[in-house]
Protein backbone atom coordinates (compact mmCIF):
# COMPACT_ATOMS: atom_id res chain seq x y z
CA MET A 1 -27.38 125.63 29.67
CA THR A 2 -27.29 122.47 27.55
CA VAL A 3 -27.78 118.90 28.80
CA VAL A 4 -24.10 118.20 28.13
CA ALA A 5 -23.04 121.28 30.12
CA CYS A 6 -25.33 120.32 33.03
CA ILE A 7 -23.99 116.76 33.20
CA ARG A 8 -20.41 117.96 32.93
CA GLU A 9 -21.00 120.50 35.71
CA VAL A 10 -22.44 117.86 38.06
CA ALA A 11 -19.55 115.51 37.19
CA LEU A 12 -17.09 118.22 38.19
CA ARG A 13 -18.91 119.26 41.38
CA HIS A 14 -20.18 115.88 42.59
CA PRO A 15 -18.17 113.17 40.80
CA ALA A 16 -19.15 110.35 43.18
CA ALA A 17 -22.90 111.06 43.06
CA PRO A 18 -24.96 108.34 41.36
CA ALA A 19 -25.91 109.27 37.78
CA LEU A 20 -27.36 105.98 36.48
CA ALA A 21 -28.98 103.16 38.44
CA TRP A 22 -30.45 99.94 37.05
CA LEU A 23 -31.37 96.37 37.87
CA PRO A 24 -29.27 93.87 35.96
CA ALA A 25 -31.10 91.32 33.81
CA THR A 26 -30.22 88.62 36.36
CA SER A 27 -32.33 90.48 38.94
CA LEU A 28 -35.31 90.27 36.63
CA ASN A 29 -34.85 86.50 36.36
CA GLY A 30 -35.09 85.95 40.10
CA ALA A 31 -31.43 86.24 41.18
CA ASP A 32 -30.78 89.13 43.54
CA ALA A 33 -27.88 90.99 41.92
CA GLY A 34 -28.95 94.29 43.50
CA VAL A 35 -29.06 97.73 41.97
CA GLN A 36 -26.02 98.64 39.87
CA GLN A 37 -24.85 102.26 39.61
CA LEU A 38 -22.50 104.51 37.69
CA SER A 39 -21.31 107.79 39.19
CA TYR A 40 -21.33 111.07 37.29
CA LYS A 41 -17.54 110.78 36.97
CA GLU A 42 -17.88 107.32 35.40
CA VAL A 43 -20.69 108.45 33.09
CA TRP A 44 -18.80 111.56 31.96
CA SER A 45 -15.55 109.68 31.47
CA SER A 46 -17.25 106.94 29.42
CA ALA A 47 -19.26 109.39 27.28
CA ASP A 48 -16.26 111.65 26.70
CA GLY A 49 -14.14 108.68 25.59
CA MET A 50 -16.90 107.43 23.28
CA ALA A 51 -17.29 110.94 21.81
CA ALA A 52 -13.55 111.07 21.05
CA ALA A 53 -13.81 107.62 19.40
CA LEU A 54 -16.79 108.75 17.29
CA ILE A 55 -14.90 111.81 16.10
CA ARG A 56 -11.80 109.72 15.38
CA LEU A 57 -13.78 107.03 13.52
CA ALA A 58 -15.81 109.51 11.48
CA PRO A 59 -13.62 112.57 10.96
CA ASP A 60 -15.58 113.65 7.88
CA VAL A 61 -18.92 113.73 9.68
CA VAL A 62 -20.03 117.34 9.96
CA ARG A 63 -21.00 118.42 13.46
CA GLY A 64 -24.77 118.29 13.77
CA ALA A 65 -24.99 115.44 11.24
CA PRO A 66 -27.18 112.46 12.13
CA VAL A 67 -25.52 109.31 13.50
CA ALA A 68 -27.44 106.03 13.44
CA VAL A 69 -27.71 104.29 16.82
CA LEU A 70 -28.24 100.56 17.22
CA VAL A 71 -27.38 99.06 20.61
CA ASP A 72 -28.77 96.42 22.95
CA GLU A 73 -30.66 97.34 26.08
CA GLY A 74 -28.65 98.41 29.06
CA THR A 75 -26.35 101.24 30.03
CA ALA A 76 -24.79 101.45 26.56
CA LEU A 77 -27.73 103.43 25.18
CA PRO A 78 -27.72 106.43 27.58
CA LEU A 79 -23.91 106.53 27.52
CA LEU A 80 -23.86 106.49 23.72
CA MET A 81 -26.59 109.13 23.49
CA LEU A 82 -24.57 111.42 25.76
CA ALA A 83 -21.40 110.68 23.74
CA ILE A 84 -23.19 111.69 20.54
CA LEU A 85 -24.23 114.98 22.14
CA VAL A 86 -20.69 115.58 23.44
CA ALA A 87 -19.39 114.98 19.90
CA ARG A 88 -21.97 117.53 18.65
CA MET A 89 -23.68 114.96 16.48
CA VAL A 90 -27.37 114.02 16.36
CA ALA A 91 -28.65 110.51 17.16
CA CYS A 92 -31.19 108.88 14.91
CA ARG A 93 -32.73 105.45 14.67
CA PRO A 94 -31.57 103.42 11.65
CA ALA A 95 -34.20 102.76 8.98
CA PRO A 96 -35.75 99.28 9.23
């Protein structure tokens, strides 16, 4: 079973279960913002929407082709990595 299939399965069986948890940057600076979370349903929905957008924006990209990834820290990176897998593309770091 693939990573995408596993995450999709958990999202279907346990949609409210926490999938991602993180401390916001404000917590690191001394303010107590608490732990933030996204459920499996939220993660799957976001990644699936991003995957559709990737396919729509790059219709000529062959499945399995590399896609450069450049994002700030935070939840955008794991969501985008999952979206790239859902779109059947391959993430790569852009050349410096």
